[in-house]
Every structure is written in C-alpha cells, then in structure tokens.
C-alpha cells in the first residue's frame, strides 16, 4: 500500500473497519529504532503507516494517560469511559464484539432476553447480501447507543467540571502518539502488514464486482 497517497479520510475509514481485538505490538518493538524522516512525504507516509500498525498500542497509551488524569477526579473517570465507549461503538468490529459478549453473558441468566439481543439478519437483494451493512448492538441500532452514551457522558462532564483538565491530557496523549509515529521507523513486520492490507482491499473490490 502506498501510504503516501492515503488521505486522512481513507485512514479514518480503515481504522473504523479494522479489527481492534488484535493484541498490541511488543514493547521492545514499539520502542526500537527511531530516525528523523528526511522529507515531508516520508514523514506523512510513516505517520499513516505507524498509526495503523501500532493502533492498539496507541489506544492503550491514550487510556493510560487519561486514567492517570482521572485519578484525582473520580466522576471524570465514568465520563471518560462513556465517551470512549460512544466513540468505540463507531468501530464495526468493536460494536459487534461488545454486543456478542454481552449477549453471551445475558444468555446464562435469561436465554429469552438474550434471543432478543441477537443482531438482525442482513437484507438480501437478488440473492446477495445488501452492500449497505447495518450494525446493531444488543438488537438495537448502533446510533441509539452512541447518542445515549454521548448524552450521559456530556452530563457527567458538565457535573464534574473537569472537561478542560481531561482535554489537556487527551491533547498531550495525541501529541505523544504523533511524535512516536513520526520518528518510529517502520520495520519489516509493518511493511508486510501494509502489503496484507493492500491484498485485502484488492480482494474486497474484486468480490464486489
């Protein structure tokens, strides 16, 4: 994949559909071999490649920084968790995994209730599944959970009065991620991973024909 030609919109779309259940990269790999990019194009390509390859590490890093910032503000911890969930629900893989695990837990106590939480069947048009995929969480449209968690988190943010404090922590975490992704030299695994994602993209386009 030519990461130099990948736009920010393409990267956000890829991160939305990516499988976030993959384990983080090892720390010895995460903190090894840093170099200064020689040009803007190389920096842009490296930033996008590392953002995708180390996505799980960066996500954990953000959680750790926000966790430290929320220690002195207990109410902000719940607000941060709900805000993170509302954003995470926008990811297809996370939403499906969350719904499936909650449904399995509920099934142990109430199989009838768990049956109502099952996702709806994908509509079929002319013998093929519809290209427009609708994601459901616990049997309900995903947008309902996103709006609900966002509204509750907003109320908690307002009540705790620590939105500015947490915002500075979030900005600091994002700055650390940008610095790491800018100076971390992609290794062979990262390059092979980009080739694999390129093959998947080509295969998806071929399957849609």
C-alpha atoms as a PDB file:
ATOM      1  CA  UNK A   1       0.000   0.000   0.000  1.00  0.00           C
ATOM      2  CA  UNK A   2       1.319   3.425  -0.960  1.00  0.00           C
ATOM      3  CA  UNK A   3       0.756   5.249   2.323  1.00  0.00           C
ATOM      4  CA  UNK A   4       1.971   8.479   0.782  1.00  0.00           C
ATOM      5  CA  UNK A   5      -1.222   8.612  -1.342  1.00  0.00           C
ATOM      6  CA  UNK A   6      -3.558   7.673   1.518  1.00  0.00           C
ATOM      7  CA  UNK A   7      -5.687  10.597   2.664  1.00  0.00           C
ATOM      8  CA  UNK A   8      -6.789  11.261   6.237  1.00  0.00           C
ATOM      9  CA  UNK A   9     -10.332  10.267   5.264  1.00  0.00           C
ATOM     10  CA  UNK A  10      -9.092   6.917   3.928  1.00  0.00           C
ATOM     11  CA  UNK A  11      -7.137   6.310   7.143  1.00  0.00           C
ATOM     12  CA  UNK A  12     -10.158   7.079   9.333  1.00  0.00           C
ATOM     13  CA  UNK A  13     -12.279   4.742   7.224  1.00  0.00           C
ATOM     14  CA  UNK A  14      -9.702   1.971   7.583  1.00  0.00           C
ATOM     15  CA  UNK A  15      -9.475   2.478  11.353  1.00  0.00           C
ATOM     16  CA  UNK A  16     -13.276   2.338  11.543  1.00  0.00           C
ATOM     17  CA  UNK A  17     -13.418  -1.090   9.915  1.00  0.00           C
ATOM     18  CA  UNK A  18     -10.238  -2.551  11.396  1.00  0.00           C
ATOM     19  CA  UNK A  19     -10.246  -5.376  13.915  1.00  0.00           C
ATOM     20  CA  UNK A  20      -9.281  -3.780  17.252  1.00  0.00           C
ATOM     21  CA  UNK A  21      -9.215  -7.114  19.057  1.00  0.00           C
ATOM     22  CA  UNK A  22      -5.676  -7.785  17.816  1.00  0.00           C
ATOM     23  CA  UNK A  23      -3.062  -7.771  20.632  1.00  0.00           C
ATOM     24  CA  UNK A  24      -0.658  -4.816  20.972  1.00  0.00           C
ATOM     25  CA  UNK A  25       2.806  -4.935  19.466  1.00  0.00           C
ATOM     26  CA  UNK A  26       5.675  -5.934  21.812  1.00  0.00           C
ATOM     27  CA  UNK A  27       7.274  -3.127  23.793  1.00  0.00           C
ATOM     28  CA  UNK A  28      10.775  -3.933  22.549  1.00  0.00           C
ATOM     29  CA  UNK A  29       9.467  -3.427  19.015  1.00  0.00           C
ATOM     30  CA  UNK A  30       7.398  -0.372  19.975  1.00  0.00           C
ATOM     31  CA  UNK A  31      10.386   1.458  21.482  1.00  0.00           C
ATOM     32  CA  UNK A  32      13.095   0.499  18.990  1.00  0.00           C
ATOM     33  CA  UNK A  33      14.755   2.219  16.022  1.00  0.00           C
ATOM     34  CA  UNK A  34      13.812   5.875  15.843  1.00  0.00           C
ATOM     35  CA  UNK A  35      15.025   8.041  12.980  1.00  0.00           C
ATOM     36  CA  UNK A  36      14.241  11.506  11.614  1.00  0.00           C
ATOM     37  CA  UNK A  37      12.213  11.485   8.383  1.00  0.00           C
ATOM     38  CA  UNK A  38      14.148  13.036   5.512  1.00  0.00           C
ATOM     39  CA  UNK A  39      11.241  14.694   3.744  1.00  0.00           C
ATOM     40  CA  UNK A  40       7.610  15.665   4.244  1.00  0.00           C
ATOM     41  CA  UNK A  41       6.374  12.824   2.034  1.00  0.00           C
ATOM     42  CA  UNK A  42       8.349  10.257   4.038  1.00  0.00           C
ATOM     43  CA  UNK A  43       7.052  11.754   7.293  1.00  0.00           C
ATOM     44  CA  UNK A  44       3.455  11.648   6.055  1.00  0.00           C
ATOM     45  CA  UNK A  45       3.813   8.061   4.856  1.00  0.00           C
ATOM     46  CA  UNK A  46       5.479   6.971   8.107  1.00  0.00           C
ATOM     47  CA  UNK A  47       2.850   8.700  10.243  1.00  0.00           C
ATOM     48  CA  UNK A  48      -0.029   6.963   8.494  1.00  0.00           C
ATOM     49  CA  UNK A  49       1.700   3.562   8.434  1.00  0.00           C
ATOM     50  CA  UNK A  50       2.594   3.621  12.143  1.00  0.00           C
ATOM     51  CA  UNK A  51      -0.836   4.954  13.121  1.00  0.00           C
ATOM     52  CA  UNK A  52      -2.393   1.883  11.531  1.00  0.00           C
ATOM     53  CA  UNK A  53       0.203  -0.696  12.546  1.00  0.00           C
ATOM     54  CA  UNK A  54       0.505   0.398  16.212  1.00  0.00           C
ATOM     55  CA  UNK A  55      -3.173   1.330  16.599  1.00  0.00           C
ATOM     56  CA  UNK A  56      -3.703  -0.943  19.605  1.00  0.00           C
ATOM     57  CA  UNK A  57      -0.594   0.361  21.382  1.00  0.00           C
ATOM     58  CA  UNK A  58      -1.703   3.942  20.817  1.00  0.00           C
ATOM     59  CA  UNK A  59      -5.197   3.183  22.067  1.00  0.00           C
ATOM     60  CA  UNK A  60      -3.796   1.674  25.282  1.00  0.00           C
ATOM     61  CA  UNK A  61      -1.438   4.634  25.672  1.00  0.00           C
ATOM     62  CA  UNK A  62      -4.341   7.078  25.453  1.00  0.00           C
ATOM     63  CA  UNK A  63      -6.268   5.072  28.044  1.00  0.00           C
ATOM     64  CA  UNK A  64      -3.291   5.109  30.425  1.00  0.00           C
ATOM     65  CA  UNK A  65      -2.805   8.863  30.100  1.00  0.00           C
ATOM     66  CA  UNK A  66      -6.497   9.545  30.596  1.00  0.00           C
ATOM     67  CA  UNK A  67      -6.562   7.122  33.519  1.00  0.00           C
ATOM     68  CA  UNK A  68      -3.768   8.984  35.289  1.00  0.00           C
ATOM     69  CA  UNK A  69      -5.542  12.290  34.633  1.00  0.00           C
ATOM     70  CA  UNK A  70      -8.806  10.965  36.061  1.00  0.00           C
ATOM     71  CA  UNK A  71      -7.351   9.650  39.326  1.00  0.00           C
ATOM     72  CA  UNK A  72      -7.979  12.943  41.134  1.00  0.00           C
ATOM     73  CA  UNK A  73     -11.432  13.328  39.569  1.00  0.00           C
ATOM     74  CA  UNK A  74     -13.469  10.143  40.127  1.00  0.00           C
ATOM     75  CA  UNK A  75     -16.578  11.423  38.328  1.00  0.00           C
ATOM     76  CA  UNK A  76     -14.470  12.185  35.275  1.00  0.00           C
ATOM     77  CA  UNK A  77     -13.442   8.515  35.107  1.00  0.00           C
ATOM     78  CA  UNK A  78     -17.017   7.449  34.365  1.00  0.00           C
ATOM     79  CA  UNK A  79     -17.466  10.330  31.938  1.00  0.00           C
ATOM     80  CA  UNK A  80     -14.280   9.346  30.101  1.00  0.00           C
ATOM     81  CA  UNK A  81     -15.324   5.703  29.940  1.00  0.00           C
ATOM     82  CA  UNK A  82     -18.720   6.570  28.482  1.00  0.00           C
ATOM     83  CA  UNK A  83     -17.172   8.971  25.982  1.00  0.00           C
ATOM     84  CA  UNK A  84     -14.652   6.316  24.937  1.00  0.00           C
ATOM     85  CA  UNK A  85     -17.441   3.753  24.526  1.00  0.00           C
ATOM     86  CA  UNK A  86     -19.550   6.108  22.422  1.00  0.00           C
ATOM     87  CA  UNK A  87     -16.567   6.612  20.102  1.00  0.00           C
ATOM     88  CA  UNK A  88     -15.603   2.933  20.130  1.00  0.00           C
ATOM     89  CA  UNK A  89     -19.144   1.942  19.107  1.00  0.00           C
ATOM     90  CA  UNK A  90     -18.470   3.634  15.759  1.00  0.00           C
ATOM     91  CA  UNK A  91     -15.978   0.858  15.031  1.00  0.00           C
ATOM     92  CA  UNK A  92     -17.755  -2.101  13.417  1.00  0.00           C
ATOM     93  CA  UNK A  93     -15.504  -4.744  14.964  1.00  0.00           C
ATOM     94  CA  UNK A  94     -15.769  -3.328  18.490  1.00  0.00           C
ATOM     95  CA  UNK A  95     -19.545  -2.906  18.279  1.00  0.00           C
ATOM     96  CA  UNK A  96     -20.050  -6.493  17.090  1.00  0.00           C
ATOM     97  CA  UNK A  97     -17.655  -7.919  19.703  1.00  0.00           C
ATOM     98  CA  UNK A  98     -19.246  -5.900  22.532  1.00  0.00           C
ATOM     99  CA  UNK A  99     -22.743  -6.989  21.533  1.00  0.00           C
ATOM    100  CA  UNK A 100     -21.746 -10.638  21.229  1.00  0.00           C
ATOM    101  CA  UNK A 101     -20.017 -10.795  24.620  1.00  0.00           C
ATOM    102  CA  UNK A 102     -22.851  -9.059  26.459  1.00  0.00           C
ATOM    103  CA  UNK A 103     -25.361 -11.355  24.773  1.00  0.00           C
ATOM    104  CA  UNK A 104     -23.402 -14.428  25.851  1.00  0.00           C
ATOM    105  CA  UNK A 105     -23.337 -13.187  29.441  1.00  0.00           C
ATOM    106  CA  UNK A 106     -27.074 -12.463  29.481  1.00  0.00           C
ATOM    107  CA  UNK A 107     -27.811 -15.880  27.942  1.00  0.00           C
ATOM    108  CA  UNK A 108     -26.523 -17.562  31.110  1.00  0.00           C
ATOM    109  CA  UNK A 109     -29.275 -15.902  33.154  1.00  0.00           C
ATOM    110  CA  UNK A 110     -32.076 -15.303  30.638  1.00  0.00           C
ATOM    111  CA  UNK A 111     -31.979 -17.118  27.274  1.00  0.00           C
ATOM    112  CA  UNK A 112     -35.249 -15.447  26.245  1.00  0.00           C
ATOM    113  CA  UNK A 113     -33.830 -11.954  26.766  1.00  0.00           C
ATOM    114  CA  UNK A 114     -30.595 -12.915  25.038  1.00  0.00           C
ATOM    115  CA  UNK A 115     -32.575 -14.042  21.982  1.00  0.00           C
ATOM    116  CA  UNK A 116     -33.956 -10.512  21.643  1.00  0.00           C
ATOM    117  CA  UNK A 117     -30.416  -9.139  21.686  1.00  0.00           C
ATOM    118  CA  UNK A 118     -29.327 -11.091  18.661  1.00  0.00           C
ATOM    119  CA  UNK A 119     -28.416  -8.951  15.621  1.00  0.00           C
ATOM    120  CA  UNK A 120     -30.959  -8.684  12.860  1.00  0.00           C
ATOM    121  CA  UNK A 121     -30.465 -10.526   9.612  1.00  0.00           C
ATOM    122  CA  UNK A 122     -28.751  -8.634   6.826  1.00  0.00           C
ATOM    123  CA  UNK A 123     -31.195  -7.818   3.996  1.00  0.00           C
ATOM    124  CA  UNK A 124     -30.728  -9.822   0.822  1.00  0.00           C
ATOM    125  CA  UNK A 125     -31.129  -8.235  -2.609  1.00  0.00           C
ATOM    126  CA  UNK A 126     -31.254 -10.516  -5.652  1.00  0.00           C
ATOM    127  CA  UNK A 127     -29.760 -13.422  -3.756  1.00  0.00           C
ATOM    128  CA  UNK A 128     -26.819 -11.402  -2.378  1.00  0.00           C
ATOM    129  CA  UNK A 129     -26.416  -9.576   0.947  1.00  0.00           C
ATOM    130  CA  UNK A 130     -27.075  -5.853   0.782  1.00  0.00           C
ATOM    131  CA  UNK A 131     -23.923  -3.785   0.316  1.00  0.00           C
ATOM    132  CA  UNK A 132     -25.140  -1.344   2.966  1.00  0.00           C
ATOM    133  CA  UNK A 133     -24.286  -3.004   6.260  1.00  0.00           C
ATOM    134  CA  UNK A 134     -26.285  -2.004   9.331  1.00  0.00           C
ATOM    135  CA  UNK A 135     -24.620  -2.602  12.683  1.00  0.00           C
ATOM    136  CA  UNK A 136     -26.756  -3.455  15.704  1.00  0.00           C
ATOM    137  CA  UNK A 137     -25.805  -3.533  19.374  1.00  0.00           C
ATOM    138  CA  UNK A 138     -27.921  -5.768  21.612  1.00  0.00           C
ATOM    139  CA  UNK A 139     -30.610  -5.850  18.931  1.00  0.00           C
ATOM    140  CA  UNK A 140     -30.842  -2.061  18.651  1.00  0.00           C
ATOM    141  CA  UNK A 141     -29.390   0.345  16.050  1.00  0.00           C
ATOM    142  CA  UNK A 142     -25.849   1.385  16.861  1.00  0.00           C
ATOM    143  CA  UNK A 143     -26.711   5.098  16.616  1.00  0.00           C
ATOM    144  CA  UNK A 144     -29.033   4.742  19.625  1.00  0.00           C
ATOM    145  CA  UNK A 145     -26.163   3.610  21.876  1.00  0.00           C
ATOM    146  CA  UNK A 146     -23.801   6.260  20.515  1.00  0.00           C
ATOM    147  CA  UNK A 147     -26.281   9.060  21.242  1.00  0.00           C
ATOM    148  CA  UNK A 148     -27.238   7.648  24.650  1.00  0.00           C
ATOM    149  CA  UNK A 149     -23.672   7.224  25.903  1.00  0.00           C
ATOM    150  CA  UNK A 150     -22.674  10.608  24.468  1.00  0.00           C
ATOM    151  CA  UNK A 151     -25.561  12.370  26.240  1.00  0.00           C
ATOM    152  CA  UNK A 152     -24.814  10.746  29.602  1.00  0.00           C
ATOM    153  CA  UNK A 153     -21.101  11.487  29.303  1.00  0.00           C
ATOM    154  CA  UNK A 154     -21.861  15.130  28.469  1.00  0.00           C
ATOM    155  CA  UNK A 155     -23.937  15.469  31.638  1.00  0.00           C
ATOM    156  CA  UNK A 156     -21.159  13.901  33.710  1.00  0.00           C
ATOM    157  CA  UNK A 157     -18.541  16.152  32.100  1.00  0.00           C
ATOM    158  CA  UNK A 158     -20.607  19.188  32.979  1.00  0.00           C
ATOM    159  CA  UNK A 159     -21.200  17.995  36.561  1.00  0.00           C
ATOM    160  CA  UNK A 160     -17.539  17.143  37.214  1.00  0.00           C
ATOM    161  CA  UNK A 161     -16.228  20.423  35.799  1.00  0.00           C
ATOM    162  CA  UNK A 162     -13.023  18.726  34.602  1.00  0.00           C
ATOM    163  CA  UNK A 163     -13.534  18.808  30.834  1.00  0.00           C
ATOM    164  CA  UNK A 164     -10.646  21.249  30.283  1.00  0.00           C
ATOM    165  CA  UNK A 165      -8.327  19.186  32.506  1.00  0.00           C
ATOM    166  CA  UNK A 166      -9.071  15.948  30.657  1.00  0.00           C
ATOM    167  CA  UNK A 167      -8.859  17.730  27.311  1.00  0.00           C
ATOM    168  CA  UNK A 168      -5.280  18.763  28.075  1.00  0.00           C
ATOM    169  CA  UNK A 169      -4.480  15.159  28.980  1.00  0.00           C
ATOM    170  CA  UNK A 170      -6.019  13.941  25.719  1.00  0.00           C
ATOM    171  CA  UNK A 171      -4.094  16.527  23.694  1.00  0.00           C
ATOM    172  CA  UNK A 172      -0.886  15.501  25.458  1.00  0.00           C
ATOM    173  CA  UNK A 173      -1.550  11.850  24.650  1.00  0.00           C
ATOM    174  CA  UNK A 174      -2.218  12.632  20.997  1.00  0.00           C
ATOM    175  CA  UNK A 175       0.988  14.677  20.854  1.00  0.00           C
ATOM    176  CA  UNK A 176       2.983  11.736  22.224  1.00  0.00           C
ATOM    177  CA  UNK A 177       1.398   9.455  19.607  1.00  0.00           C
ATOM    178  CA  UNK A 178       2.199  11.854  16.765  1.00  0.00           C
ATOM    179  CA  UNK A 179       5.810  12.153  17.927  1.00  0.00           C
ATOM    180  CA  UNK A 180       6.210   8.381  18.204  1.00  0.00           C
ATOM    181  CA  UNK A 181       4.574   7.712  14.837  1.00  0.00           C
ATOM    182  CA  UNK A 182       6.723  10.415  13.224  1.00  0.00           C
ATOM    183  CA  UNK A 183      10.099   9.151  14.434  1.00  0.00           C
ATOM    184  CA  UNK A 184       9.443   5.385  14.654  1.00  0.00           C
ATOM    185  CA  UNK A 185      10.957   3.693  11.629  1.00  0.00           C
ATOM    186  CA  UNK A 186       8.527   1.066  10.224  1.00  0.00           C
ATOM    187  CA  UNK A 187      10.089  -2.375  10.460  1.00  0.00           C
ATOM    188  CA  UNK A 188       9.633  -5.369   8.194  1.00  0.00           C
ATOM    189  CA  UNK A 189       6.503  -6.506  10.050  1.00  0.00           C
ATOM    190  CA  UNK A 190       4.854  -3.137   9.482  1.00  0.00           C
ATOM    191  CA  UNK A 191       5.670  -3.232   5.784  1.00  0.00           C
ATOM    192  CA  UNK A 192       4.381  -6.789   5.420  1.00  0.00           C
ATOM    193  CA  UNK A 193       1.245  -5.748   7.246  1.00  0.00           C
ATOM    194  CA  UNK A 194       0.649  -2.971   4.729  1.00  0.00           C
ATOM    195  CA  UNK A 195       1.040  -5.466   1.877  1.00  0.00           C
ATOM    196  CA  UNK A 196      -1.501  -7.735   3.559  1.00  0.00           C
ATOM    197  CA  UNK A 197      -3.992  -4.884   3.956  1.00  0.00           C
ATOM    198  CA  UNK A 198      -3.461  -3.961   0.320  1.00  0.00           C
ATOM    199  CA  UNK A 199      -4.270  -7.528  -0.706  1.00  0.00           C
ATOM    200  CA  UNK A 200      -7.425  -7.460   1.424  1.00  0.00           C
ATOM    201  CA  UNK A 201      -8.525  -4.189  -0.154  1.00  0.00           C
ATOM    202  CA  UNK A 202      -7.993  -5.555  -3.658  1.00  0.00           C
ATOM    203  CA  UNK A 203      -9.824  -8.771  -2.744  1.00  0.00           C
ATOM    204  CA  UNK A 204     -12.802  -6.807  -1.332  1.00  0.00           C
ATOM    205  CA  UNK A 205     -13.013  -4.761  -4.523  1.00  0.00           C
ATOM    206  CA  UNK A 206     -12.841  -7.957  -6.590  1.00  0.00           C
ATOM    207  CA  UNK A 207     -15.606  -9.575  -4.521  1.00  0.00           C
ATOM    208  CA  UNK A 208     -17.909  -6.583  -5.059  1.00  0.00           C
ATOM    209  CA  UNK A 209     -17.722  -6.974  -8.837  1.00  0.00           C
END
